[in-house]
Protein backbone atom coordinates (compact mmCIF):
# COMPACT_ATOMS: atom_id res chain seq x y z
CA UNK A 1 -42.09 29.54 47.52
CA UNK A 2 -38.39 29.53 48.12
CA UNK A 3 -38.37 25.72 47.81
CA UNK A 4 -40.19 26.03 44.54
CA UNK A 5 -37.51 28.36 43.21
CA UNK A 6 -34.78 25.96 44.28
CA UNK A 7 -36.68 23.09 42.68
CA UNK A 8 -37.22 25.12 39.50
CA UNK A 9 -33.56 26.08 39.43
CA UNK A 10 -32.62 22.45 39.92
CA UNK A 11 -34.85 21.42 37.03
CA UNK A 12 -33.45 24.22 34.92
CA UNK A 13 -29.89 23.18 35.75
CA UNK A 14 -30.77 19.57 34.94
CA UNK A 15 -32.35 20.64 31.64
CA UNK A 16 -29.37 22.86 30.86
CA UNK A 17 -27.03 19.93 31.59
CA UNK A 18 -29.10 17.67 29.33
CA UNK A 19 -29.05 20.30 26.57
CA UNK A 20 -25.31 20.77 27.03
CA UNK A 21 -24.84 17.01 26.81
CA UNK A 22 -27.00 16.95 23.66
CA UNK A 23 -24.95 19.80 22.20
CA UNK A 24 -21.73 17.98 23.12
CA UNK A 25 -23.10 14.78 21.61
CA UNK A 26 -24.09 16.60 18.40
CA UNK A 27 -20.69 18.31 18.31
CA UNK A 28 -18.86 15.01 18.81
CA UNK A 29 -20.97 13.37 16.13
CA UNK A 30 -20.30 16.26 13.74
CA UNK A 31 -16.55 16.09 14.45
CA UNK A 32 -16.52 12.36 13.79
CA UNK A 33 -18.45 12.89 10.56
CA UNK A 34 -16.01 15.62 9.52
CA UNK A 35 -12.99 13.40 10.27
CA UNK A 36 -14.53 10.55 8.30
CA UNK A 37 -15.26 12.81 5.33
CA UNK A 38 -11.77 14.29 5.52
CA UNK A 39 -10.24 10.81 5.55
CA UNK A 40 -12.33 9.75 2.54
CA UNK A 41 -11.30 12.93 0.72
CA UNK A 42 -7.61 12.27 1.36
CA UNK A 43 -7.96 8.66 0.20
CA UNK A 44 -9.80 9.77 -2.94
CA UNK A 45 -7.14 12.39 -3.68
CA UNK A 46 -4.42 9.78 -3.20
CA UNK A 47 -6.19 7.38 -5.58
CA UNK A 48 -6.61 10.21 -8.08
CA UNK A 49 -2.90 11.05 -7.91
CA UNK A 50 -2.00 7.40 -8.43
CA UNK A 51 -4.44 7.13 -11.34
CA UNK A 52 -2.99 10.25 -12.95
CA UNK A 53 0.51 8.81 -12.63
CA UNK A 54 -0.63 5.52 -14.14
CA UNK A 55 -2.34 7.38 -17.00
CA UNK A 56 0.79 9.41 -17.71
CA UNK A 57 2.91 6.26 -17.70
CA UNK A 58 0.45 4.54 -20.04
CA UNK A 59 0.37 7.56 -22.36
CA UNK A 60 4.17 7.59 -22.47
CA UNK A 61 4.29 3.87 -23.21
CA UNK A 62 1.60 4.29 -25.85
CA UNK A 63 3.59 7.06 -27.53
CA UNK A 64 6.71 4.86 -27.45
CA UNK A 65 4.75 1.93 -28.87
CA UNK A 66 3.23 4.09 -31.61
CA UNK A 67 6.69 5.36 -32.56
CA UNK A 68 8.03 1.78 -32.60
CA UNK A 69 5.07 0.70 -34.72
CA UNK A 70 5.71 3.52 -37.18
CA UNK A 71 9.39 2.53 -37.41
CA UNK A 72 8.47 -1.14 -37.91
CA UNK A 73 5.96 -0.26 -40.61
CA UNK A 74 8.55 1.90 -42.39
CA UNK A 75 11.09 -0.93 -42.15
CA UNK A 76 8.51 -3.40 -43.45
CA UNK A 77 7.76 -1.13 -46.41
CA UNK A 78 11.46 -0.64 -47.15
CA UNK A 79 12.16 -4.37 -46.89
CA UNK A 80 9.19 -5.09 -49.17
CA UNK A 81 10.69 -2.75 -51.76
CA UNK A 82 14.05 -4.52 -51.39
CA UNK A 83 12.38 -7.91 -51.83
CA UNK A 84 10.66 -6.74 -55.01
CA UNK A 85 13.93 -5.33 -56.39
CA UNK A 86 15.84 -8.49 -55.46
CA UNK A 87 13.11 -10.66 -56.96
CA UNK A 88 13.26 -8.67 -60.19
CA UNK A 89 17.05 -8.99 -60.25
CA UNK A 90 16.72 -12.74 -59.61
CA UNK A 91 14.26 -13.10 -62.47
CA UNK A 92 16.63 -11.21 -64.77
CA UNK A 93 19.58 -13.30 -63.61
CA UNK A 94 17.57 -16.51 -64.13
CA UNK A 95 16.59 -15.42 -67.63
CA UNK A 96 20.21 -14.49 -68.42
CA UNK A 97 21.40 -17.88 -67.10
CA UNK A 98 18.83 -19.72 -69.18
CA UNK A 99 19.89 -17.79 -72.29
CA UNK A 100 23.52 -18.55 -71.55
CA UNK A 101 22.75 -22.28 -71.22
CA UNK A 102 20.72 -22.19 -74.41
CA UNK A 103 23.61 -20.50 -76.23
CA UNK A 104 26.06 -23.06 -74.86
CA UNK A 105 23.80 -25.94 -75.92
CA UNK A 106 23.27 -24.34 -79.32
CA UNK A 107 27.01 -23.88 -79.76
CA UNK A 108 27.72 -27.55 -79.17
């Protein structure tokens, strides 16, 4: 019976070692999974930070471009008004010149 106890203890120790190895294996696997997830999280956060910076830069450039567009449109409107005024003055000057030539020709 004593031999049986030693044999049973040996089997129990072997089983306990196998369980401990399984637990260690599960723990190692879980740690590796955690490290992988942590690494992916850090990479995703880094990409998110870069994307936010790119968005902010784009928004700033867009605001600058919109302001430049507004200035260009205002300048275009102002220059259009100037062209119309100059064209009107040119038409008046042309008419006055024609009248002056007609008067000169009539006077001769």
